[in-house]
Amino acid sequence: FVLSAQEGILFFYHIKDLQYEMKICADILQPISSLIFSPDYSVLLLVTDQGTVYTYKPAHSGEAVKLLDACSSCFLAADFLTPGNKYCVSVTISGEVQVWFLEDGTCLSKLNLDIEVHVT
């Protein structure tokens, strides 16, 4: 399978031989800037252009769940802390690095780098 995110819609493509099937998995109404799978591929982090982070569990075929919402500074990137898929780390444009518990979105730790972060 292949996942694709266009204009805030997460698509699932099942490709077999010369045929494919497309299914809409989730529509979060915000353009998705990055998709990151957990190490065991059971959870997908979706980071939007507006700085919101969602989780999506492909095996459960449910809706994407908003985990983190952009506050005073937009989330620029997020990734899983390994091993496992219980925690993620995020960084904001203002340089704040945060560790989150994925079950309920609790912020466990944060560190302010006191620099503006850019993607290259």
N, C-alpha and C. Protein backbone atom coordinates (compact mmCIF):
# COMPACT_ATOMS: atom_id res chain seq x y z
N PHE A 1 0.82 -1.18 0.00
CA PHE A 1 0.00 0.00 0.00
C PHE A 1 0.86 1.24 0.00
N VAL A 2 0.27 2.33 -0.40
CA VAL A 2 0.94 3.62 -0.44
C VAL A 2 0.01 4.64 0.19
N LEU A 3 0.56 5.53 1.00
CA LEU A 3 -0.24 6.61 1.56
C LEU A 3 0.16 7.90 0.88
N SER A 4 -0.82 8.76 0.65
CA SER A 4 -0.56 10.04 0.02
C SER A 4 -1.38 11.10 0.73
N ALA A 5 -0.85 12.28 0.86
CA ALA A 5 -1.58 13.36 1.53
C ALA A 5 -1.60 14.58 0.62
N GLN A 6 -2.78 14.92 0.15
CA GLN A 6 -2.93 16.08 -0.72
C GLN A 6 -4.05 16.94 -0.18
N GLU A 7 -3.79 18.22 -0.03
CA GLU A 7 -4.81 19.17 0.42
C GLU A 7 -5.51 18.72 1.69
N GLY A 8 -4.79 18.05 2.59
CA GLY A 8 -5.36 17.64 3.86
C GLY A 8 -6.12 16.34 3.82
N ILE A 9 -6.09 15.65 2.69
CA ILE A 9 -6.78 14.37 2.57
C ILE A 9 -5.73 13.26 2.52
N LEU A 10 -5.89 12.28 3.38
CA LEU A 10 -4.98 11.15 3.43
C LEU A 10 -5.58 10.02 2.61
N PHE A 11 -4.88 9.62 1.55
CA PHE A 11 -5.34 8.57 0.64
C PHE A 11 -4.56 7.28 0.89
N PHE A 12 -5.22 6.17 0.70
CA PHE A 12 -4.61 4.85 0.76
C PHE A 12 -4.74 4.23 -0.63
N TYR A 13 -3.62 3.79 -1.17
CA TYR A 13 -3.62 3.13 -2.47
C TYR A 13 -3.18 1.68 -2.28
N HIS A 14 -4.02 0.74 -2.66
CA HIS A 14 -3.65 -0.67 -2.66
C HIS A 14 -3.33 -1.03 -4.10
N ILE A 15 -2.07 -1.35 -4.35
CA ILE A 15 -1.61 -1.61 -5.72
C ILE A 15 -1.30 -3.11 -5.85
N LYS A 16 -1.92 -3.72 -6.86
CA LYS A 16 -1.68 -5.14 -7.14
C LYS A 16 -1.63 -5.32 -8.65
N ASP A 17 -0.49 -5.78 -9.11
CA ASP A 17 -0.26 -5.97 -10.55
C ASP A 17 -0.51 -4.64 -11.27
N LEU A 18 -1.40 -4.61 -12.24
CA LEU A 18 -1.69 -3.39 -12.99
C LEU A 18 -2.93 -2.67 -12.50
N GLN A 19 -3.50 -3.12 -11.39
CA GLN A 19 -4.71 -2.50 -10.87
C GLN A 19 -4.43 -1.85 -9.52
N TYR A 20 -5.21 -0.84 -9.22
CA TYR A 20 -5.08 -0.21 -7.90
C TYR A 20 -6.46 0.20 -7.40
N GLU A 21 -6.54 0.30 -6.09
CA GLU A 21 -7.76 0.75 -5.43
C GLU A 21 -7.39 1.94 -4.55
N MET A 22 -8.15 3.02 -4.65
CA MET A 22 -7.89 4.22 -3.86
C MET A 22 -9.01 4.40 -2.85
N LYS A 23 -8.63 4.74 -1.62
CA LYS A 23 -9.60 4.95 -0.55
C LYS A 23 -9.19 6.20 0.24
N ILE A 24 -10.15 7.03 0.59
CA ILE A 24 -9.87 8.19 1.44
C ILE A 24 -9.88 7.70 2.89
N CYS A 25 -8.76 7.90 3.59
CA CYS A 25 -8.65 7.47 4.98
C CYS A 25 -9.09 8.56 5.95
N ALA A 26 -8.68 9.79 5.68
CA ALA A 26 -8.99 10.89 6.60
C ALA A 26 -8.93 12.21 5.85
N ASP A 27 -9.75 13.14 6.28
CA ASP A 27 -9.75 14.49 5.73
C ASP A 27 -9.62 15.45 6.90
N ILE A 28 -8.43 16.06 7.05
CA ILE A 28 -8.21 16.93 8.20
C ILE A 28 -8.33 18.41 7.86
N LEU A 29 -8.68 18.71 6.62
CA LEU A 29 -9.01 20.07 6.18
C LEU A 29 -7.85 21.06 6.27
N GLN A 30 -6.62 20.56 6.42
CA GLN A 30 -5.43 21.41 6.42
C GLN A 30 -4.37 20.71 5.59
N PRO A 31 -3.62 21.42 4.75
CA PRO A 31 -2.57 20.77 3.98
C PRO A 31 -1.56 20.07 4.90
N ILE A 32 -1.18 18.85 4.54
CA ILE A 32 -0.26 18.05 5.33
C ILE A 32 1.16 18.29 4.82
N SER A 33 2.06 18.70 5.73
CA SER A 33 3.44 18.98 5.33
C SER A 33 4.35 17.77 5.48
N SER A 34 4.05 16.88 6.44
CA SER A 34 4.88 15.68 6.56
C SER A 34 4.10 14.53 7.19
N LEU A 35 4.52 13.31 6.81
CA LEU A 35 3.97 12.07 7.33
C LEU A 35 5.12 11.27 7.91
N ILE A 36 4.95 10.77 9.14
CA ILE A 36 6.02 10.01 9.78
C ILE A 36 5.40 8.76 10.40
N PHE A 37 5.88 7.57 10.00
CA PHE A 37 5.42 6.32 10.60
C PHE A 37 6.19 6.03 11.87
N SER A 38 5.51 5.39 12.83
CA SER A 38 6.18 4.91 14.04
C SER A 38 7.10 3.76 13.63
N PRO A 39 8.07 3.40 14.48
CA PRO A 39 9.01 2.32 14.13
C PRO A 39 8.33 0.99 13.78
N ASP A 40 7.17 0.70 14.39
CA ASP A 40 6.47 -0.55 14.09
C ASP A 40 5.36 -0.36 13.05
N TYR A 41 5.28 0.81 12.46
CA TYR A 41 4.32 1.14 11.39
C TYR A 41 2.86 1.05 11.83
N SER A 42 2.60 1.16 13.13
CA SER A 42 1.21 1.07 13.60
C SER A 42 0.55 2.44 13.73
N VAL A 43 1.35 3.49 13.81
CA VAL A 43 0.82 4.85 13.97
C VAL A 43 1.51 5.77 12.98
N LEU A 44 0.73 6.69 12.44
CA LEU A 44 1.25 7.68 11.51
C LEU A 44 1.06 9.06 12.12
N LEU A 45 2.13 9.85 12.19
CA LEU A 45 2.02 11.25 12.62
C LEU A 45 1.83 12.10 11.38
N LEU A 46 0.85 13.00 11.41
CA LEU A 46 0.59 13.93 10.32
C LEU A 46 0.84 15.33 10.85
N VAL A 47 1.75 16.07 10.24
CA VAL A 47 2.03 17.45 10.63
C VAL A 47 1.49 18.34 9.51
N THR A 48 0.66 19.32 9.87
CA THR A 48 0.05 20.19 8.87
C THR A 48 0.88 21.45 8.65
N ASP A 49 0.59 22.13 7.55
CA ASP A 49 1.25 23.41 7.26
C ASP A 49 0.98 24.44 8.34
N GLN A 50 -0.15 24.31 9.04
CA GLN A 50 -0.52 25.28 10.06
C GLN A 50 0.00 24.90 11.43
N GLY A 51 0.76 23.79 11.51
CA GLY A 51 1.42 23.44 12.76
C GLY A 51 0.64 22.55 13.69
N THR A 52 -0.37 21.86 13.22
CA THR A 52 -1.13 20.94 14.03
C THR A 52 -0.63 19.52 13.76
N VAL A 53 -0.59 18.69 14.82
CA VAL A 53 -0.13 17.32 14.68
C VAL A 53 -1.29 16.37 14.96
N TYR A 54 -1.50 15.42 14.04
CA TYR A 54 -2.54 14.41 14.17
C TYR A 54 -1.90 13.03 14.22
N THR A 55 -2.61 12.07 14.82
CA THR A 55 -2.20 10.67 14.74
C THR A 55 -3.25 9.91 13.94
N TYR A 56 -2.79 8.91 13.22
CA TYR A 56 -3.70 8.05 12.45
C TYR A 56 -3.19 6.62 12.54
N LYS A 57 -4.11 5.69 12.83
CA LYS A 57 -3.75 4.27 12.93
C LYS A 57 -4.31 3.54 11.73
N PRO A 58 -3.46 3.25 10.73
CA PRO A 58 -3.94 2.62 9.49
C PRO A 58 -4.69 1.31 9.70
N ALA A 59 -4.27 0.49 10.65
CA ALA A 59 -4.93 -0.81 10.85
C ALA A 59 -6.35 -0.67 11.39
N HIS A 60 -6.64 0.45 12.04
CA HIS A 60 -7.97 0.65 12.63
C HIS A 60 -8.92 1.40 11.71
N SER A 61 -8.40 1.97 10.63
CA SER A 61 -9.22 2.68 9.63
C SER A 61 -10.18 3.69 10.24
N GLY A 62 -9.77 4.32 11.31
CA GLY A 62 -10.60 5.34 11.94
C GLY A 62 -10.24 6.72 11.43
N GLU A 63 -10.69 7.72 12.14
CA GLU A 63 -10.38 9.10 11.80
C GLU A 63 -9.01 9.48 12.36
N ALA A 64 -8.42 10.50 11.76
CA ALA A 64 -7.20 11.08 12.32
C ALA A 64 -7.58 11.83 13.58
N VAL A 65 -6.77 11.70 14.62
CA VAL A 65 -7.05 12.30 15.92
C VAL A 65 -6.08 13.45 16.15
N LYS A 66 -6.61 14.63 16.47
CA LYS A 66 -5.75 15.79 16.74
C LYS A 66 -5.01 15.54 18.04
N LEU A 67 -3.68 15.54 17.97
CA LEU A 67 -2.86 15.31 19.14
C LEU A 67 -2.36 16.63 19.71
N LEU A 68 -1.80 17.47 18.86
CA LEU A 68 -1.23 18.73 19.30
C LEU A 68 -1.76 19.84 18.40
N ASP A 69 -2.17 20.93 19.00
CA ASP A 69 -2.67 22.05 18.22
C ASP A 69 -1.68 23.19 18.31
N ALA A 70 -1.50 23.88 17.21
CA ALA A 70 -0.58 25.01 17.19
C ALA A 70 -1.03 26.05 18.20
N CYS A 71 -0.15 26.43 19.09
CA CYS A 71 -0.47 27.42 20.12
C CYS A 71 0.14 28.75 19.71
N SER A 72 1.02 29.26 20.53
CA SER A 72 1.64 30.54 20.22
C SER A 72 2.68 30.40 19.10
N SER A 73 3.18 29.21 18.90
CA SER A 73 4.18 28.97 17.87
C SER A 73 3.86 27.65 17.17
N CYS A 74 3.85 27.65 15.87
CA CYS A 74 3.48 26.46 15.09
C CYS A 74 4.51 25.35 15.23
N PHE A 75 4.02 24.12 15.28
CA PHE A 75 4.90 22.96 15.24
C PHE A 75 5.48 22.87 13.85
N LEU A 76 6.78 22.77 13.78
CA LEU A 76 7.46 22.71 12.50
C LEU A 76 7.67 21.26 12.07
N ALA A 77 7.97 20.40 13.04
CA ALA A 77 8.21 19.00 12.75
C ALA A 77 7.93 18.17 13.98
N ALA A 78 7.68 16.88 13.75
CA ALA A 78 7.47 15.92 14.84
C ALA A 78 8.01 14.58 14.39
N ASP A 79 8.41 13.77 15.36
CA ASP A 79 8.88 12.42 15.06
C ASP A 79 8.72 11.57 16.31
N PHE A 80 8.77 10.26 16.13
CA PHE A 80 8.64 9.33 17.24
C PHE A 80 9.97 9.20 17.98
N LEU A 81 9.88 9.00 19.31
CA LEU A 81 11.07 8.65 20.10
C LEU A 81 11.12 7.14 20.15
N THR A 82 12.23 6.57 19.77
CA THR A 82 12.34 5.12 19.73
C THR A 82 13.18 4.62 20.90
N PRO A 83 13.03 3.40 21.33
CA PRO A 83 12.18 2.37 20.73
C PRO A 83 10.71 2.57 21.12
N GLY A 84 9.84 1.94 20.36
CA GLY A 84 8.41 1.99 20.65
C GLY A 84 7.73 3.14 19.96
N ASN A 85 6.46 3.32 20.29
CA ASN A 85 5.68 4.39 19.67
C ASN A 85 4.77 5.06 20.69
N LYS A 86 5.25 5.19 21.93
CA LYS A 86 4.45 5.83 22.98
C LYS A 86 4.70 7.32 23.09
N TYR A 87 5.85 7.78 22.59
CA TYR A 87 6.24 9.17 22.75
C TYR A 87 6.65 9.78 21.42
N CYS A 88 6.45 11.09 21.31
CA CYS A 88 6.98 11.79 20.14
C CYS A 88 7.66 13.07 20.62
N VAL A 89 8.49 13.60 19.75
CA VAL A 89 9.18 14.86 20.02
C VAL A 89 8.78 15.84 18.93
N SER A 90 8.61 17.09 19.30
CA SER A 90 8.25 18.11 18.32
C SER A 90 9.15 19.32 18.52
N VAL A 91 9.23 20.13 17.46
CA VAL A 91 9.96 21.38 17.55
C VAL A 91 9.09 22.47 16.93
N THR A 92 9.08 23.62 17.55
CA THR A 92 8.30 24.75 17.05
C THR A 92 9.21 25.71 16.30
N ILE A 93 8.62 26.59 15.55
CA ILE A 93 9.37 27.59 14.81
C ILE A 93 10.21 28.45 15.76
N SER A 94 9.68 28.70 16.97
CA SER A 94 10.39 29.54 17.93
C SER A 94 11.53 28.81 18.64
N GLY A 95 11.71 27.50 18.37
CA GLY A 95 12.84 26.76 18.93
C GLY A 95 12.53 25.99 20.19
N GLU A 96 11.26 25.73 20.48
CA GLU A 96 10.91 24.95 21.66
C GLU A 96 10.80 23.48 21.27
N VAL A 97 11.58 22.63 21.94
CA VAL A 97 11.55 21.18 21.72
C VAL A 97 10.71 20.58 22.84
N GLN A 98 9.75 19.72 22.48
CA GLN A 98 8.84 19.14 23.47
C GLN A 98 8.73 17.64 23.27
N VAL A 99 8.56 16.92 24.38
CA VAL A 99 8.31 15.48 24.36
C VAL A 99 6.87 15.26 24.79
N TRP A 100 6.13 14.45 24.01
CA TRP A 100 4.70 14.23 24.22
C TRP A 100 4.40 12.76 24.43
N PHE A 101 3.38 12.49 25.27
CA PHE A 101 2.84 11.14 25.43
C PHE A 101 1.72 11.00 24.41
N LEU A 102 1.83 10.04 23.51
CA LEU A 102 0.90 9.93 22.38
C LEU A 102 -0.52 9.52 22.77
N GLU A 103 -0.68 8.83 23.89
CA GLU A 103 -2.02 8.36 24.27
C GLU A 103 -3.00 9.51 24.48
N ASP A 104 -2.54 10.57 25.12
CA ASP A 104 -3.47 11.67 25.44
C ASP A 104 -2.93 13.06 25.12
N GLY A 105 -1.75 13.14 24.51
CA GLY A 105 -1.19 14.44 24.14
C GLY A 105 -0.59 15.23 25.28
N THR A 106 -0.27 14.56 26.39
CA THR A 106 0.34 15.23 27.53
C THR A 106 1.78 15.63 27.22
N CYS A 107 2.11 16.88 27.49
CA CYS A 107 3.49 17.35 27.32
C CYS A 107 4.28 16.90 28.54
N LEU A 108 5.31 16.08 28.33
CA LEU A 108 6.11 15.53 29.43
C LEU A 108 7.34 16.36 29.74
N SER A 109 7.87 17.03 28.72
CA SER A 109 9.10 17.79 28.92
C SER A 109 9.24 18.81 27.80
N LYS A 110 9.90 19.91 28.09
CA LYS A 110 10.19 20.88 27.04
C LYS A 110 11.50 21.59 27.31
N LEU A 111 12.11 22.03 26.23
CA LEU A 111 13.38 22.73 26.28
C LEU A 111 13.34 23.84 25.26
N ASN A 112 13.63 25.06 25.67
CA ASN A 112 13.63 26.19 24.75
C ASN A 112 15.07 26.42 24.29
N LEU A 113 15.28 26.31 22.97
CA LEU A 113 16.61 26.49 22.41
C LEU A 113 16.99 27.96 22.21
N ASP A 114 16.01 28.84 22.38
CA ASP A 114 16.21 30.29 22.22
C ASP A 114 16.76 30.67 20.85
N ILE A 115 16.38 29.90 19.82
CA ILE A 115 16.71 30.24 18.44
C ILE A 115 15.51 29.94 17.57
N GLU A 116 15.38 30.64 16.46
CA GLU A 116 14.33 30.34 15.50
C GLU A 116 14.76 29.17 14.65
N VAL A 117 13.84 28.22 14.43
CA VAL A 117 14.14 27.00 13.68
C VAL A 117 13.62 27.12 12.26
N HIS A 118 14.41 26.64 11.31
CA HIS A 118 14.03 26.66 9.90
C HIS A 118 14.23 25.27 9.30
N VAL A 119 13.48 24.95 8.28
CA VAL A 119 13.65 23.70 7.56
C VAL A 119 14.46 24.00 6.31
N THR A 120 15.46 23.17 6.05
CA THR A 120 16.28 23.36 4.86
C THR A 120 16.12 22.22 3.91
